[in-house]
Amino acid sequence: MVSTVMKTETGMTMRSNPLRTYKGISIGFGLLACLLVLGALLVPGFVSSQNARSILLLAAFLGLASIGQTLCALVGALDLSIPYIIGGANILLPSLMVAGLPAPLAMLLVLLLGALVGATNGALSFKLQGQALIMSLGVGFAAVGAVQIYTSLGSQFGGTVFAPVPEWLRNISAFNGKFFGLPIPPVIIIWAVIAIALGWLMHNTWFGRSIYAIGGSRTAAARLGISEFKVWTVIHSVSGAMSAITGMLLLGFSGGGFVGVGDPYLFTTVAAVVIGGTSLLGGAGGYGATVLGVLVLTVLTSLLVGLGLSFPAQQAVVGLLIVPMVAIYARSPHIRNQI
């Protein structure tokens, strides 16, 4: 098993416990297996190919939105602007297309704006780390408010945009045919490719190792010449870009722009990170663990819907799941305390 090693300022070797790294994954797989068994026993058709397709489709959107949240958590931060950037992108894209901008160019512009908002969020949050959580929330409010003002010009429906959605965008997000012989929407393939690429980058590049180094020990990272400000800004920029991508893909899925489409992602991205076992204190976990958390959360939601539970009841069950998970992970000491 792989363990994390770094030198402290006293020259002593600081090594993380391998069990800490894999405990979250083991628990996640156990939860996922239990949920699948319960679903098969209690809900007819739960293990059908059609339901599996639906679960993977919903998981893809949550998984893409959770990329930025995972990167932020690895340095000890949280990004609460994610749902607002998702909602803003969801109504800004059709609004730009209605204004006459070609769809590819409009998507590129929305992506760049999402990255810019994320970078601004990262820079401000870093400078005011004592208020970073509220800062990210404020940046999200400001961004979605600005988009609503723009989309409401000449219209009384600032939070909803009615515009034709390109067929190719619908096919990416909600394709009912076969993609390269597979009966799944391309967005699922996109999610899988990004997840694999991100996993490789996090463990085989200086940037990925810098994220873990900062989360493990800021002092040690600084002495290695790692710029915490640059890393902090870049990961928030990635978070903003992925949120914008998620918002645009959700437009293809729903067929219409609605600013509230991102609301469910305010805490579900955090829940996916926590359930996967990534430490909110930073330095431990990764996107592979978050993928597992996303699957657990999506399968659980599908099971609760199949059992006929109302939305408030679903929230209560998810909350009851998160509390013990946090309690379990909190018992493991942070990497900077393991010498």
Protein backbone atom coordinates (compact mmCIF):
# COMPACT_ATOMS: atom_id res chain seq x y z
CA MET A 1 0.00 0.00 0.00
CA VAL A 2 1.08 3.53 -0.71
CA SER A 3 1.72 5.94 2.12
CA THR A 4 2.37 9.67 2.09
CA VAL A 5 5.77 10.85 3.27
CA MET A 6 7.13 14.36 3.87
CA LYS A 7 9.76 16.03 5.99
CA THR A 8 8.82 18.32 8.82
CA GLU A 9 10.80 21.44 9.70
CA THR A 10 12.65 19.43 12.36
CA GLY A 11 13.81 16.92 9.77
CA MET A 12 11.61 14.13 11.10
CA THR A 13 9.75 11.98 8.61
CA MET A 14 5.98 12.34 8.68
CA ARG A 15 4.19 9.31 7.28
CA SER A 16 0.45 8.86 6.96
CA ASN A 17 -1.14 5.62 8.04
CA PRO A 18 -2.06 3.58 4.92
CA LEU A 19 -5.23 2.43 6.71
CA ARG A 20 -6.34 6.09 6.86
CA THR A 21 -6.04 6.31 3.09
CA TYR A 22 -8.06 3.21 2.33
CA LYS A 23 -10.59 3.28 5.16
CA GLY A 24 -12.91 5.66 3.33
CA ILE A 25 -12.80 3.56 0.16
CA SER A 26 -13.51 0.36 2.11
CA ILE A 27 -16.47 1.93 3.90
CA GLY A 28 -17.73 3.41 0.63
CA PHE A 29 -17.66 0.08 -1.18
CA GLY A 30 -19.41 -1.55 1.77
CA LEU A 31 -22.16 1.06 1.73
CA LEU A 32 -22.58 0.78 -2.02
CA ALA A 33 -22.86 -3.00 -1.86
CA CYS A 34 -25.43 -2.83 0.96
CA LEU A 35 -27.53 -0.27 -0.92
CA LEU A 36 -27.51 -2.35 -4.08
CA VAL A 37 -28.61 -5.45 -2.16
CA LEU A 38 -31.36 -3.52 -0.37
CA GLY A 39 -32.53 -2.04 -3.66
CA ALA A 40 -32.67 -5.43 -5.34
CA LEU A 41 -34.72 -6.83 -2.44
CA LEU A 42 -37.08 -3.91 -1.84
CA VAL A 43 -37.59 -2.15 -5.19
CA PRO A 44 -38.71 -4.06 -8.30
CA GLY A 45 -36.48 -3.38 -11.28
CA PHE A 46 -33.83 -1.63 -9.18
CA VAL A 47 -30.98 -3.63 -10.70
CA SER A 48 -32.29 -3.33 -14.26
CA SER A 49 -30.12 -1.87 -17.01
CA GLN A 50 -32.53 1.05 -17.42
CA ASN A 51 -32.24 2.03 -13.75
CA ALA A 52 -28.46 1.58 -13.85
CA ARG A 53 -28.36 3.98 -16.83
CA SER A 54 -30.44 6.53 -14.93
CA ILE A 55 -28.25 6.27 -11.84
CA LEU A 56 -25.05 6.71 -13.85
CA LEU A 57 -26.56 9.66 -15.73
CA LEU A 58 -27.46 11.53 -12.54
CA ALA A 59 -24.15 10.51 -10.96
CA ALA A 60 -22.25 11.99 -13.93
CA PHE A 61 -23.65 15.47 -13.31
CA LEU A 62 -22.93 15.29 -9.58
CA GLY A 63 -19.52 13.79 -10.26
CA LEU A 64 -18.51 16.61 -12.59
CA ALA A 65 -19.76 19.23 -10.12
CA SER A 66 -17.82 17.51 -7.30
CA ILE A 67 -14.43 17.77 -9.02
CA GLY A 68 -13.84 21.31 -7.82
CA GLN A 69 -15.19 20.54 -4.36
CA THR A 70 -12.75 17.64 -4.02
CA LEU A 71 -9.75 19.74 -5.05
CA CYS A 72 -10.78 22.49 -2.62
CA ALA A 73 -11.26 19.99 0.21
CA LEU A 74 -7.77 18.60 -0.36
CA VAL A 75 -6.28 21.96 0.64
CA GLY A 76 -8.72 22.42 3.52
CA ALA A 77 -11.24 24.66 1.74
CA LEU A 78 -14.87 24.42 0.60
CA ASP A 79 -16.40 26.09 -2.44
CA LEU A 80 -20.01 27.14 -1.87
CA SER A 81 -20.20 29.06 -5.14
CA ILE A 82 -20.59 25.84 -7.15
CA PRO A 83 -24.43 25.72 -7.32
CA TYR A 84 -24.67 29.39 -8.27
CA ILE A 85 -22.16 29.07 -11.10
CA ILE A 86 -24.08 26.00 -12.30
CA GLY A 87 -27.35 27.95 -12.28
CA GLY A 88 -25.76 30.98 -13.90
CA ALA A 89 -24.23 28.91 -16.71
CA ASN A 90 -27.53 27.12 -17.24
CA ILE A 91 -29.36 30.36 -18.11
CA LEU A 92 -26.45 32.31 -19.60
CA LEU A 93 -25.77 29.80 -22.38
CA PRO A 94 -29.26 29.87 -23.94
CA SER A 95 -29.40 33.63 -23.47
CA LEU A 96 -26.17 34.05 -25.45
CA MET A 97 -27.47 31.74 -28.18
CA VAL A 98 -30.69 33.75 -28.41
CA ALA A 99 -28.53 36.86 -28.80
CA GLY A 100 -27.06 35.28 -31.94
CA LEU A 101 -23.79 33.83 -30.64
CA PRO A 102 -22.94 30.40 -32.17
CA ALA A 103 -23.40 27.61 -29.63
CA PRO A 104 -19.71 26.50 -29.51
CA LEU A 105 -18.52 30.08 -29.03
CA ALA A 106 -21.21 30.70 -26.40
CA MET A 107 -20.13 27.57 -24.51
CA LEU A 108 -16.49 28.65 -24.62
CA LEU A 109 -17.41 32.07 -23.27
CA VAL A 110 -19.48 30.57 -20.44
CA LEU A 111 -16.60 28.21 -19.60
CA LEU A 112 -14.09 31.06 -19.46
CA LEU A 113 -16.43 33.17 -17.32
CA GLY A 114 -16.90 30.24 -14.94
CA ALA A 115 -13.12 29.84 -14.64
CA LEU A 116 -12.73 33.59 -14.10
CA VAL A 117 -15.34 33.64 -11.33
CA GLY A 118 -13.61 30.65 -9.76
CA ALA A 119 -10.20 32.31 -9.93
CA THR A 120 -11.63 35.45 -8.35
CA ASN A 121 -13.21 33.34 -5.66
CA GLY A 122 -9.89 31.58 -5.01
CA ALA A 123 -7.88 34.78 -4.82
CA LEU A 124 -10.33 36.48 -2.45
CA SER A 125 -10.79 33.36 -0.32
CA PHE A 126 -7.04 32.94 0.04
CA LYS A 127 -6.55 36.53 1.16
CA LEU A 128 -9.39 36.23 3.70
CA GLN A 129 -9.08 32.61 4.74
CA GLY A 130 -10.77 33.22 8.07
CA GLN A 131 -13.92 34.05 6.10
CA ALA A 132 -13.25 31.85 3.06
CA LEU A 133 -16.50 29.90 3.34
CA ILE A 134 -18.66 33.03 3.38
CA MET A 135 -16.48 34.61 0.72
CA SER A 136 -17.16 31.77 -1.73
CA LEU A 137 -20.87 32.04 -0.97
CA GLY A 138 -20.79 35.79 -1.60
CA VAL A 139 -18.93 35.37 -4.90
CA GLY A 140 -21.52 32.81 -5.99
CA PHE A 141 -24.38 35.16 -5.12
CA ALA A 142 -22.73 38.01 -7.01
CA ALA A 143 -22.06 35.88 -10.10
CA VAL A 144 -25.56 34.43 -10.39
CA GLY A 145 -27.08 37.85 -9.64
CA ALA A 146 -25.10 39.45 -12.46
CA VAL A 147 -26.21 36.72 -14.87
CA GLN A 148 -29.85 37.16 -13.86
CA ILE A 149 -29.60 40.91 -14.44
CA TYR A 150 -28.18 40.25 -17.92
CA THR A 151 -30.78 37.63 -18.85
CA SER A 152 -33.64 39.79 -17.58
CA LEU A 153 -32.82 42.65 -19.97
CA GLY A 154 -35.84 42.90 -22.25
CA SER A 155 -37.53 40.01 -20.45
CA GLN A 156 -39.52 39.54 -17.28
CA PHE A 157 -38.15 36.03 -16.74
CA GLY A 158 -34.60 36.60 -15.51
CA GLY A 159 -34.31 33.23 -13.79
CA THR A 160 -35.74 31.21 -16.69
CA VAL A 161 -34.61 31.30 -20.31
CA PHE A 162 -36.62 29.68 -23.08
CA ALA A 163 -34.49 28.95 -26.11
CA PRO A 164 -33.95 26.07 -28.56
CA VAL A 165 -31.27 23.73 -27.28
CA PRO A 166 -28.94 22.30 -29.97
CA GLU A 167 -29.68 18.66 -30.72
CA TRP A 168 -26.04 17.69 -30.27
CA LEU A 169 -26.07 19.11 -26.74
CA ARG A 170 -29.21 17.14 -25.95
CA ASN A 171 -27.52 14.01 -27.28
CA ILE A 172 -24.50 14.53 -25.05
CA SER A 173 -26.59 14.84 -21.88
CA ALA A 174 -29.63 12.66 -22.49
CA PHE A 175 -28.95 10.38 -25.45
CA ASN A 176 -31.36 7.45 -25.68
CA GLY A 177 -29.61 5.57 -28.47
CA LYS A 178 -26.20 3.91 -28.56
CA PHE A 179 -22.89 5.74 -28.24
CA PHE A 180 -20.07 3.68 -29.80
CA GLY A 181 -22.26 0.63 -29.33
CA LEU A 182 -23.01 1.41 -25.69
CA PRO A 183 -26.57 2.33 -24.62
CA ILE A 184 -25.42 5.19 -22.40
CA PRO A 185 -25.34 8.99 -22.79
CA PRO A 186 -21.94 10.44 -23.77
CA VAL A 187 -21.88 12.55 -20.58
CA ILE A 188 -21.19 9.36 -18.63
CA ILE A 189 -18.20 8.61 -20.87
CA ILE A 190 -17.02 12.21 -20.49
CA TRP A 191 -17.20 11.87 -16.70
CA ALA A 192 -15.27 8.59 -16.76
CA VAL A 193 -12.51 10.02 -18.96
CA ILE A 194 -12.15 13.14 -16.82
CA ALA A 195 -12.09 11.06 -13.63
CA ILE A 196 -9.30 8.83 -14.97
CA ALA A 197 -7.31 11.80 -16.27
CA LEU A 198 -7.69 13.69 -12.99
CA GLY A 199 -6.62 10.66 -10.98
CA TRP A 200 -3.47 10.37 -13.08
CA LEU A 201 -2.71 14.10 -12.81
CA MET A 202 -3.17 14.13 -9.04
CA HIS A 203 -0.61 11.39 -8.47
CA ASN A 204 1.85 11.87 -11.31
CA THR A 205 2.36 15.61 -11.66
CA TRP A 206 3.94 18.31 -9.55
CA PHE A 207 0.66 20.20 -9.41
CA GLY A 208 -1.27 17.24 -8.00
CA ARG A 209 1.40 16.54 -5.42
CA SER A 210 1.45 20.23 -4.53
CA ILE A 211 -2.23 20.06 -3.61
CA TYR A 212 -1.61 17.15 -1.25
CA ALA A 213 1.48 18.87 0.15
CA ILE A 214 -0.43 22.05 1.00
CA GLY A 215 -3.26 20.07 2.55
CA GLY A 216 -0.80 18.03 4.59
CA SER A 217 1.43 20.85 5.84
CA ARG A 218 1.45 24.43 4.57
CA THR A 219 4.81 25.09 6.24
CA ALA A 220 6.44 22.08 4.57
CA ALA A 221 4.88 22.99 1.21
CA ALA A 222 6.19 26.55 1.44
CA ARG A 223 9.70 25.26 2.19
CA LEU A 224 9.46 23.12 -0.92
CA GLY A 225 8.85 26.28 -2.95
CA ILE A 226 5.15 25.59 -3.57
CA SER A 227 3.07 28.74 -4.03
CA GLU A 228 -0.05 28.22 -1.96
CA PHE A 229 -1.71 31.25 -3.54
CA LYS A 230 -1.24 29.90 -7.08
CA VAL A 231 -2.49 26.44 -6.17
CA TRP A 232 -5.45 27.86 -4.24
CA THR A 233 -6.40 30.11 -7.18
CA VAL A 234 -5.99 27.42 -9.83
CA ILE A 235 -8.11 24.80 -8.04
CA HIS A 236 -10.90 27.32 -7.49
CA SER A 237 -10.65 28.25 -11.16
CA VAL A 238 -11.01 24.58 -12.07
CA SER A 239 -14.00 24.39 -9.72
CA GLY A 240 -15.64 27.34 -11.48
CA ALA A 241 -14.94 25.87 -14.93
CA MET A 242 -16.34 22.44 -13.99
CA SER A 243 -19.41 24.08 -12.45
CA ALA A 244 -19.99 25.99 -15.70
CA ILE A 245 -19.60 22.76 -17.70
CA THR A 246 -22.09 21.02 -15.42
CA GLY A 247 -24.58 23.85 -15.85
CA MET A 248 -24.32 23.69 -19.65
CA LEU A 249 -24.69 19.91 -19.71
CA LEU A 250 -27.75 20.18 -17.47
CA LEU A 251 -29.23 22.51 -20.08
CA GLY A 252 -28.99 19.68 -22.59
CA PHE A 253 -30.55 17.32 -20.08
CA SER A 254 -33.52 19.51 -19.11
CA GLY A 255 -34.03 21.34 -22.40
CA GLY A 256 -34.50 24.75 -20.77
CA GLY A 257 -32.54 27.21 -18.69
CA PHE A 258 -33.47 27.56 -15.01
CA VAL A 259 -31.31 29.41 -12.50
CA GLY A 260 -32.31 27.10 -9.63
CA VAL A 261 -31.02 23.98 -11.37
CA GLY A 262 -27.82 24.15 -9.32
CA ASP A 263 -29.49 24.39 -5.92
CA PRO A 264 -29.35 20.63 -5.16
CA TYR A 265 -25.57 20.76 -5.63
CA LEU A 266 -24.97 23.17 -2.73
CA PHE A 267 -24.46 20.40 -0.20
CA THR A 268 -24.58 17.22 -2.30
CA THR A 269 -21.08 17.98 -3.62
CA VAL A 270 -19.86 18.32 -0.03
CA ALA A 271 -21.76 15.16 0.95
CA ALA A 272 -20.15 13.20 -1.90
CA VAL A 273 -16.69 14.32 -0.77
CA VAL A 274 -17.42 13.42 2.86
CA ILE A 275 -19.00 10.05 2.11
CA GLY A 276 -16.06 9.19 -0.13
CA GLY A 277 -13.71 9.78 2.78
CA THR A 278 -11.75 12.84 1.61
CA SER A 279 -10.71 14.86 4.66
CA LEU A 280 -12.23 18.34 4.82
CA LEU A 281 -9.07 19.35 6.70
CA GLY A 282 -7.03 18.60 3.59
CA GLY A 283 -4.19 16.27 2.65
CA ALA A 284 -6.06 12.96 2.50
CA GLY A 285 -8.42 11.40 -0.01
CA GLY A 286 -8.87 12.17 -3.68
CA TYR A 287 -11.29 12.22 -6.57
CA GLY A 288 -11.43 8.43 -6.80
CA ALA A 289 -12.93 8.43 -3.31
CA THR A 290 -15.37 11.16 -4.35
CA VAL A 291 -16.52 9.07 -7.33
CA LEU A 292 -17.40 6.34 -4.86
CA GLY A 293 -19.20 8.87 -2.67
CA VAL A 294 -21.15 10.12 -5.70
CA LEU A 295 -22.26 6.58 -6.54
CA VAL A 296 -23.29 5.87 -2.94
CA LEU A 297 -25.28 9.11 -2.76
CA THR A 298 -26.98 8.57 -6.14
CA VAL A 299 -27.84 4.93 -5.48
CA LEU A 300 -29.20 5.89 -2.05
CA THR A 301 -31.37 8.63 -3.58
CA SER A 302 -32.66 6.20 -6.23
CA LEU A 303 -33.48 3.66 -3.52
CA LEU A 304 -35.35 6.23 -1.42
CA VAL A 305 -37.33 7.41 -4.45
CA GLY A 306 -38.16 3.79 -5.28
CA LEU A 307 -39.45 3.32 -1.73
CA GLY A 308 -41.72 6.35 -2.18
CA LEU A 309 -40.08 8.66 0.35
CA SER A 310 -40.72 12.39 0.04
CA PHE A 311 -37.89 14.85 -0.63
CA PRO A 312 -37.70 16.01 3.03
CA ALA A 313 -37.52 12.38 4.12
CA GLN A 314 -34.73 11.75 1.62
CA GLN A 315 -32.79 14.69 3.03
CA ALA A 316 -33.23 13.34 6.55
CA VAL A 317 -31.86 9.92 5.56
CA VAL A 318 -28.87 11.44 3.74
CA GLY A 319 -28.17 13.61 6.80
CA LEU A 320 -28.31 10.55 9.05
CA LEU A 321 -25.76 8.91 6.76
CA ILE A 322 -23.37 11.87 6.71
CA VAL A 323 -23.24 12.34 10.51
CA PRO A 324 -21.75 8.90 11.33
CA MET A 325 -19.43 9.08 8.31
CA VAL A 326 -17.95 12.35 9.54
CA ALA A 327 -17.67 10.90 13.05
CA ILE A 328 -15.79 7.87 11.74
CA TYR A 329 -13.32 9.87 9.65
CA ALA A 330 -12.82 12.45 12.39
CA ARG A 331 -11.34 9.76 14.64
CA SER A 332 -8.33 9.45 12.35
CA PRO A 333 -5.61 12.03 13.09
CA HIS A 334 -4.68 14.48 10.35
CA ILE A 335 -1.55 13.70 8.38
CA ARG A 336 0.33 16.65 9.91
CA ASN A 337 -0.13 15.04 13.35
CA GLN A 338 1.19 11.63 12.30
CA ILE A 339 4.94 11.57 12.95
